[in-house]
Structure formats: structure tokens, C-alpha cells
């Protein structure tokens, strides 16, 4: 089984304040940034969306 994410909007999850991702025409999306910018938080949000509460990241709410 193959899963394709056509778009992703994440807000206030862990380190992420807000992000919107859309794949390019080639289907490749690169998530980049400096340390502490929220790259892993985006991946955690994807896992949470696909796996429900069993994959909910610890301390899932963003703290200001």
C-alpha cells in the first residue's frame, strides 16, 4: 500500500508555529532548516495524522 500526502498544514504542534507543505511537480518535498526550527516536529505531525493518538508525540502542544 502506498500513501501520498498531497498537502499538509500544521499549526502549533511541538516546535512548529505554522507550516504549509505542497509537493513539487516531481513529487519531492525537502524539509530543511537550522537546528531547533521544527523539522522533526513536522515529521511527528505527519506520523500523528496517519497513526492517530497511538503515534501522538510527547508534549504535542507548542509552547510560546
PDB file of N, CA and C in Angstrom:
ATOM      1  N   UNK A   1       0.837  -1.181   0.000  1.00  0.00           N
ATOM      2  CA  UNK A   1       0.000   0.000   0.000  1.00  0.00           C
ATOM      3  C   UNK A   1       0.878   1.239   0.000  1.00  0.00           C
ATOM      4  N   UNK A   2       0.519   2.208  -0.778  1.00  0.00           N
ATOM      5  CA  UNK A   2       1.273   3.451  -0.896  1.00  0.00           C
ATOM      6  C   UNK A   2       0.419   4.611  -0.406  1.00  0.00           C
ATOM      7  N   UNK A   3       1.043   5.511   0.342  1.00  0.00           N
ATOM      8  CA  UNK A   3       0.354   6.699   0.837  1.00  0.00           C
ATOM      9  C   UNK A   3       1.038   7.915   0.252  1.00  0.00           C
ATOM     10  N   UNK A   4       0.260   8.813  -0.332  1.00  0.00           N
ATOM     11  CA  UNK A   4       0.796  10.062  -0.864  1.00  0.00           C
ATOM     12  C   UNK A   4       0.122  11.217  -0.162  1.00  0.00           C
ATOM     13  N   UNK A   5       0.907  12.109   0.372  1.00  0.00           N
ATOM     14  CA  UNK A   5       0.377  13.302   1.014  1.00  0.00           C
ATOM     15  C   UNK A   5       0.385  14.410  -0.025  1.00  0.00           C
ATOM     16  N   UNK A   6      -0.761  14.921  -0.366  1.00  0.00           N
ATOM     17  CA  UNK A   6      -0.871  15.959  -1.393  1.00  0.00           C
ATOM     18  C   UNK A   6      -0.661  17.353  -0.823  1.00  0.00           C
ATOM     19  N   UNK A   7      -1.002  17.545   0.417  1.00  0.00           N
ATOM     20  CA  UNK A   7      -0.726  18.811   1.082  1.00  0.00           C
ATOM     21  C   UNK A   7      -0.749  18.583   2.585  1.00  0.00           C
ATOM     22  N   UNK A   8      -0.104  19.479   3.304  1.00  0.00           N
ATOM     23  CA  UNK A   8      -0.018  19.360   4.751  1.00  0.00           C
ATOM     24  C   UNK A   8      -0.043  20.751   5.351  1.00  0.00           C
ATOM     25  N   UNK A   9      -0.907  20.948   6.324  1.00  0.00           N
ATOM     26  CA  UNK A   9      -0.937  22.194   7.086  1.00  0.00           C
ATOM     27  C   UNK A   9      -0.816  21.819   8.553  1.00  0.00           C
ATOM     28  N   UNK A  10       0.172  22.390   9.226  1.00  0.00           N
ATOM     29  CA  UNK A  10       0.415  22.103  10.631  1.00  0.00           C
ATOM     30  C   UNK A  10       0.461  23.430  11.382  1.00  0.00           C
ATOM     31  N   UNK A  11      -0.165  23.448  12.535  1.00  0.00           N
ATOM     32  CA  UNK A  11      -0.162  24.666  13.343  1.00  0.00           C
ATOM     33  C   UNK A  11      -0.078  24.279  14.816  1.00  0.00           C
ATOM     34  N   UNK A  12       0.851  24.913  15.524  1.00  0.00           N
ATOM     35  CA  UNK A  12       1.008  24.760  16.966  1.00  0.00           C
ATOM     36  C   UNK A  12       1.236  23.318  17.424  1.00  0.00           C
ATOM     37  N   UNK A  13       2.062  22.595  16.699  1.00  0.00           N
ATOM     38  CA  UNK A  13       2.464  21.249  17.107  1.00  0.00           C
ATOM     39  C   UNK A  13       3.939  21.293  17.461  1.00  0.00           C
ATOM     40  N   UNK A  14       4.247  20.977  18.691  1.00  0.00           N
ATOM     41  CA  UNK A  14       5.613  20.973  19.194  1.00  0.00           C
ATOM     42  C   UNK A  14       6.327  22.285  18.847  1.00  0.00           C
ATOM     43  N   UNK A  15       7.378  22.258  18.061  1.00  0.00           N
ATOM     44  CA  UNK A  15       8.142  23.466  17.732  1.00  0.00           C
ATOM     45  C   UNK A  15       7.548  24.270  16.574  1.00  0.00           C
ATOM     46  N   UNK A  16       6.584  23.711  15.878  1.00  0.00           N
ATOM     47  CA  UNK A  16       6.029  24.350  14.688  1.00  0.00           C
ATOM     48  C   UNK A  16       4.991  25.400  15.074  1.00  0.00           C
ATOM     49  N   UNK A  17       5.205  26.617  14.626  1.00  0.00           N
ATOM     50  CA  UNK A  17       4.192  27.661  14.802  1.00  0.00           C
ATOM     51  C   UNK A  17       3.146  27.505  13.709  1.00  0.00           C
ATOM     52  N   UNK A  18       3.584  27.448  12.455  1.00  0.00           N
ATOM     53  CA  UNK A  18       2.688  27.198  11.322  1.00  0.00           C
ATOM     54  C   UNK A  18       3.530  26.853  10.102  1.00  0.00           C
ATOM     55  N   UNK A  19       3.076  25.871   9.333  1.00  0.00           N
ATOM     56  CA  UNK A  19       3.774  25.489   8.102  1.00  0.00           C
ATOM     57  C   UNK A  19       2.750  24.889   7.141  1.00  0.00           C
ATOM     58  N   UNK A  20       2.957  25.145   5.861  1.00  0.00           N
ATOM     59  CA  UNK A  20       2.160  24.524   4.802  1.00  0.00           C
ATOM     60  C   UNK A  20       3.136  23.931   3.804  1.00  0.00           C
ATOM     61  N   UNK A  21       2.944  22.662   3.470  1.00  0.00           N
ATOM     62  CA  UNK A  21       3.812  21.988   2.510  1.00  0.00           C
ATOM     63  C   UNK A  21       2.984  21.513   1.331  1.00  0.00           C
ATOM     64  N   UNK A  22       3.512  21.722   0.138  1.00  0.00           N
ATOM     65  CA  UNK A  22       2.900  21.229  -1.086  1.00  0.00           C
ATOM     66  C   UNK A  22       4.002  20.557  -1.900  1.00  0.00           C
ATOM     67  N   UNK A  23       3.758  19.372  -2.433  1.00  0.00           N
ATOM     68  CA  UNK A  23       4.797  18.699  -3.218  1.00  0.00           C
ATOM     69  C   UNK A  23       5.072  19.424  -4.534  1.00  0.00           C
ATOM     70  N   UNK A  24       6.285  19.268  -5.024  1.00  0.00           N
ATOM     71  CA  UNK A  24       6.649  19.840  -6.315  1.00  0.00           C
ATOM     72  C   UNK A  24       6.100  18.942  -7.421  1.00  0.00           C
ATOM     73  N   UNK A  25       6.276  19.358  -8.656  1.00  0.00           N
ATOM     74  CA  UNK A  25       5.803  18.553  -9.786  1.00  0.00           C
ATOM     75  C   UNK A  25       6.476  17.188  -9.823  1.00  0.00           C
ATOM     76  N   UNK A  26       7.710  17.096  -9.331  1.00  0.00           N
ATOM     77  CA  UNK A  26       8.422  15.817  -9.316  1.00  0.00           C
ATOM     78  C   UNK A  26       7.988  14.936  -8.153  1.00  0.00           C
ATOM     79  N   UNK A  27       7.208  15.504  -7.216  1.00  0.00           N
ATOM     80  CA  UNK A  27       6.759  14.741  -6.067  1.00  0.00           C
ATOM     81  C   UNK A  27       7.723  14.783  -4.899  1.00  0.00           C
ATOM     82  N   UNK A  28       8.818  15.508  -5.033  1.00  0.00           N
ATOM     83  CA  UNK A  28       9.827  15.583  -3.980  1.00  0.00           C
ATOM     84  C   UNK A  28       9.606  16.831  -3.135  1.00  0.00           C
ATOM     85  N   UNK A  29       9.560  16.648  -1.836  1.00  0.00           N
ATOM     86  CA  UNK A  29       9.451  17.763  -0.909  1.00  0.00           C
ATOM     87  C   UNK A  29      10.600  17.658   0.080  1.00  0.00           C
ATOM     88  N   UNK A  30      11.376  18.712   0.207  1.00  0.00           N
ATOM     89  CA  UNK A  30      12.511  18.734   1.124  1.00  0.00           C
ATOM     90  C   UNK A  30      12.140  19.606   2.313  1.00  0.00           C
ATOM     91  N   UNK A  31      12.332  19.061   3.509  1.00  0.00           N
ATOM     92  CA  UNK A  31      12.089  19.817   4.741  1.00  0.00           C
ATOM     93  C   UNK A  31      13.455  20.162   5.306  1.00  0.00           C
ATOM     94  N   UNK A  32      13.810  21.431   5.279  1.00  0.00           N
ATOM     95  CA  UNK A  32      15.137  21.849   5.726  1.00  0.00           C
ATOM     96  C   UNK A  32      15.062  23.022   6.671  1.00  0.00           C
ATOM     97  N   UNK A  33      16.157  23.267   7.356  1.00  0.00           N
ATOM     98  CA  UNK A  33      16.220  24.401   8.271  1.00  0.00           C
ATOM     99  C   UNK A  33      17.313  24.198   9.298  1.00  0.00           C
ATOM    100  N   UNK A  34      17.554  25.221  10.084  1.00  0.00           N
ATOM    101  CA  UNK A  34      18.571  25.152  11.135  1.00  0.00           C
ATOM    102  C   UNK A  34      18.089  24.281  12.286  1.00  0.00           C
ATOM    103  N   UNK A  35      18.997  23.962  13.193  1.00  0.00           N
ATOM    104  CA  UNK A  35      18.647  23.208  14.385  1.00  0.00           C
ATOM    105  C   UNK A  35      17.572  23.948  15.171  1.00  0.00           C
ATOM    106  N   UNK A  36      16.615  23.194  15.701  1.00  0.00           N
ATOM    107  CA  UNK A  36      15.580  23.787  16.535  1.00  0.00           C
ATOM    108  C   UNK A  36      14.487  24.516  15.778  1.00  0.00           C
ATOM    109  N   UNK A  37      14.410  24.350  14.465  1.00  0.00           N
ATOM    110  CA  UNK A  37      13.407  25.067  13.668  1.00  0.00           C
ATOM    111  C   UNK A  37      12.101  24.293  13.498  1.00  0.00           C
ATOM    112  N   UNK A  38      12.095  22.978  13.816  1.00  0.00           N
ATOM    113  CA  UNK A  38      10.850  22.221  13.773  1.00  0.00           C
ATOM    114  C   UNK A  38      10.745  21.151  12.706  1.00  0.00           C
ATOM    115  N   UNK A  39      11.864  20.761  12.091  1.00  0.00           N
ATOM    116  CA  UNK A  39      11.819  19.722  11.052  1.00  0.00           C
ATOM    117  C   UNK A  39      11.263  18.413  11.595  1.00  0.00           C
ATOM    118  N   UNK A  40      11.775  17.964  12.723  1.00  0.00           N
ATOM    119  CA  UNK A  40      11.303  16.717  13.323  1.00  0.00           C
ATOM    120  C   UNK A  40       9.863  16.871  13.795  1.00  0.00           C
ATOM    121  N   UNK A  41       9.487  18.044  14.241  1.00  0.00           N
ATOM    122  CA  UNK A  41       8.111  18.284  14.665  1.00  0.00           C
ATOM    123  C   UNK A  41       7.142  18.114  13.495  1.00  0.00           C
ATOM    124  N   UNK A  42       7.549  18.519  12.295  1.00  0.00           N
ATOM    125  CA  UNK A  42       6.713  18.319  11.108  1.00  0.00           C
ATOM    126  C   UNK A  42       6.540  16.824  10.849  1.00  0.00           C
ATOM    127  N   UNK A  43       7.628  16.066  10.947  1.00  0.00           N
ATOM    128  CA  UNK A  43       7.544  14.613  10.741  1.00  0.00           C
ATOM    129  C   UNK A  43       6.689  13.959  11.815  1.00  0.00           C
ATOM    130  N   UNK A  44       6.799  14.421  13.061  1.00  0.00           N
ATOM    131  CA  UNK A  44       5.953  13.911  14.143  1.00  0.00           C
ATOM    132  C   UNK A  44       4.481  14.199  13.862  1.00  0.00           C
ATOM    133  N   UNK A  45       4.180  15.381  13.326  1.00  0.00           N
ATOM    134  CA  UNK A  45       2.802  15.744  13.000  1.00  0.00           C
ATOM    135  C   UNK A  45       2.246  14.836  11.907  1.00  0.00           C
ATOM    136  N   UNK A  46       3.079  14.495  10.917  1.00  0.00           N
ATOM    137  CA  UNK A  46       2.645  13.584   9.853  1.00  0.00           C
ATOM    138  C   UNK A  46       2.341  12.211  10.439  1.00  0.00           C
ATOM    139  N   UNK A  47       3.239  11.697  11.273  1.00  0.00           N
ATOM    140  CA  UNK A  47       3.032  10.387  11.901  1.00  0.00           C
ATOM    141  C   UNK A  47       1.762  10.398  12.743  1.00  0.00           C
ATOM    142  N   UNK A  48       1.533  11.479  13.480  1.00  0.00           N
ATOM    143  CA  UNK A  48       0.348  11.610  14.322  1.00  0.00           C
ATOM    144  C   UNK A  48      -0.916  11.611  13.457  1.00  0.00           C
ATOM    145  N   UNK A  49      -0.882  12.353  12.342  1.00  0.00           N
ATOM    146  CA  UNK A  49      -2.044  12.424  11.453  1.00  0.00           C
ATOM    147  C   UNK A  49      -2.373  11.059  10.852  1.00  0.00           C
ATOM    148  N   UNK A  50      -1.344  10.290  10.517  1.00  0.00           N
ATOM    149  CA  UNK A  50      -1.561   8.990   9.883  1.00  0.00           C
ATOM    150  C   UNK A  50      -1.848   7.883  10.889  1.00  0.00           C
ATOM    151  N   UNK A  51      -1.321   8.022  12.117  1.00  0.00           N
ATOM    152  CA  UNK A  51      -1.449   6.944  13.092  1.00  0.00           C
ATOM    153  C   UNK A  51      -2.377   7.227  14.250  1.00  0.00           C
ATOM    154  N   UNK A  52      -2.945   8.425  14.299  1.00  0.00           N
ATOM    155  CA  UNK A  52      -3.859   8.752  15.381  1.00  0.00           C
ATOM    156  C   UNK A  52      -3.150   8.906  16.713  1.00  0.00           C
ATOM    157  N   UNK A  53      -3.905   8.794  17.783  1.00  0.00           N
ATOM    158  CA  UNK A  53      -3.359   9.044  19.117  1.00  0.00           C
ATOM    159  C   UNK A  53      -2.255   8.075  19.520  1.00  0.00           C
ATOM    160  N   UNK A  54      -2.210   6.881  18.940  1.00  0.00           N
ATOM    161  CA  UNK A  54      -1.144   5.949  19.310  1.00  0.00           C
ATOM    162  C   UNK A  54       0.234   6.478  18.892  1.00  0.00           C
ATOM    163  N   UNK A  55       0.280   7.400  17.917  1.00  0.00           N
ATOM    164  CA  UNK A  55       1.547   7.996  17.487  1.00  0.00           C
ATOM    165  C   UNK A  55       1.633   9.473  17.874  1.00  0.00           C
ATOM    166  N   UNK A  56       0.782   9.883  18.808  1.00  0.00           N
ATOM    167  CA  UNK A  56       0.814  11.277  19.264  1.00  0.00           C
ATOM    168  C   UNK A  56       2.161  11.576  19.910  1.00  0.00           C
ATOM    169  N   UNK A  57       2.850  12.626  19.457  1.00  0.00           N
ATOM    170  CA  UNK A  57       4.153  12.956  20.042  1.00  0.00           C
ATOM    171  C   UNK A  57       4.004  13.448  21.479  1.00  0.00           C
ATOM    172  N   UNK A  58       5.036  13.213  22.279  1.00  0.00           N
ATOM    173  CA  UNK A  58       5.005  13.712  23.640  1.00  0.00           C
ATOM    174  C   UNK A  58       5.046  15.229  23.603  1.00  0.00           C
ATOM    175  N   UNK A  59       4.368  15.861  24.521  1.00  0.00           N
ATOM    176  CA  UNK A  59       4.298  17.321  24.606  1.00  0.00           C
ATOM    177  C   UNK A  59       3.934  17.915  23.246  1.00  0.00           C
ATOM    178  N   UNK A  60       2.799  17.470  22.706  1.00  0.00           N
ATOM    179  CA  UNK A  60       2.408  17.819  21.335  1.00  0.00           C
ATOM    180  C   UNK A  60       2.044  19.281  21.139  1.00  0.00           C
ATOM    181  N   UNK A  61       1.648  19.994  22.174  1.00  0.00           N
ATOM    182  CA  UNK A  61       1.266  21.392  22.033  1.00  0.00           C
ATOM    183  C   UNK A  61       2.464  22.303  22.015  1.00  0.00           C
ATOM    184  N   UNK A  62       2.460  23.281  21.140  1.00  0.00           N
ATOM    185  CA  UNK A  62       3.512  24.288  21.072  1.00  0.00           C
ATOM    186  C   UNK A  62       3.389  25.214  22.277  1.00  0.00           C
ATOM    187  N   UNK A  63       4.513  25.525  22.867  1.00  0.00           N
ATOM    188  CA  UNK A  63       4.543  26.453  23.999  1.00  0.00           C
ATOM    189  C   UNK A  63       5.312  27.690  23.574  1.00  0.00           C
ATOM    190  N   UNK A  64       4.752  28.839  23.818  1.00  0.00           N
ATOM    191  CA  UNK A  64       5.383  30.110  23.420  1.00  0.00           C
ATOM    192  C   UNK A  64       6.578  30.416  24.261  1.00  0.00           C
TER     193      UNK A  64
END
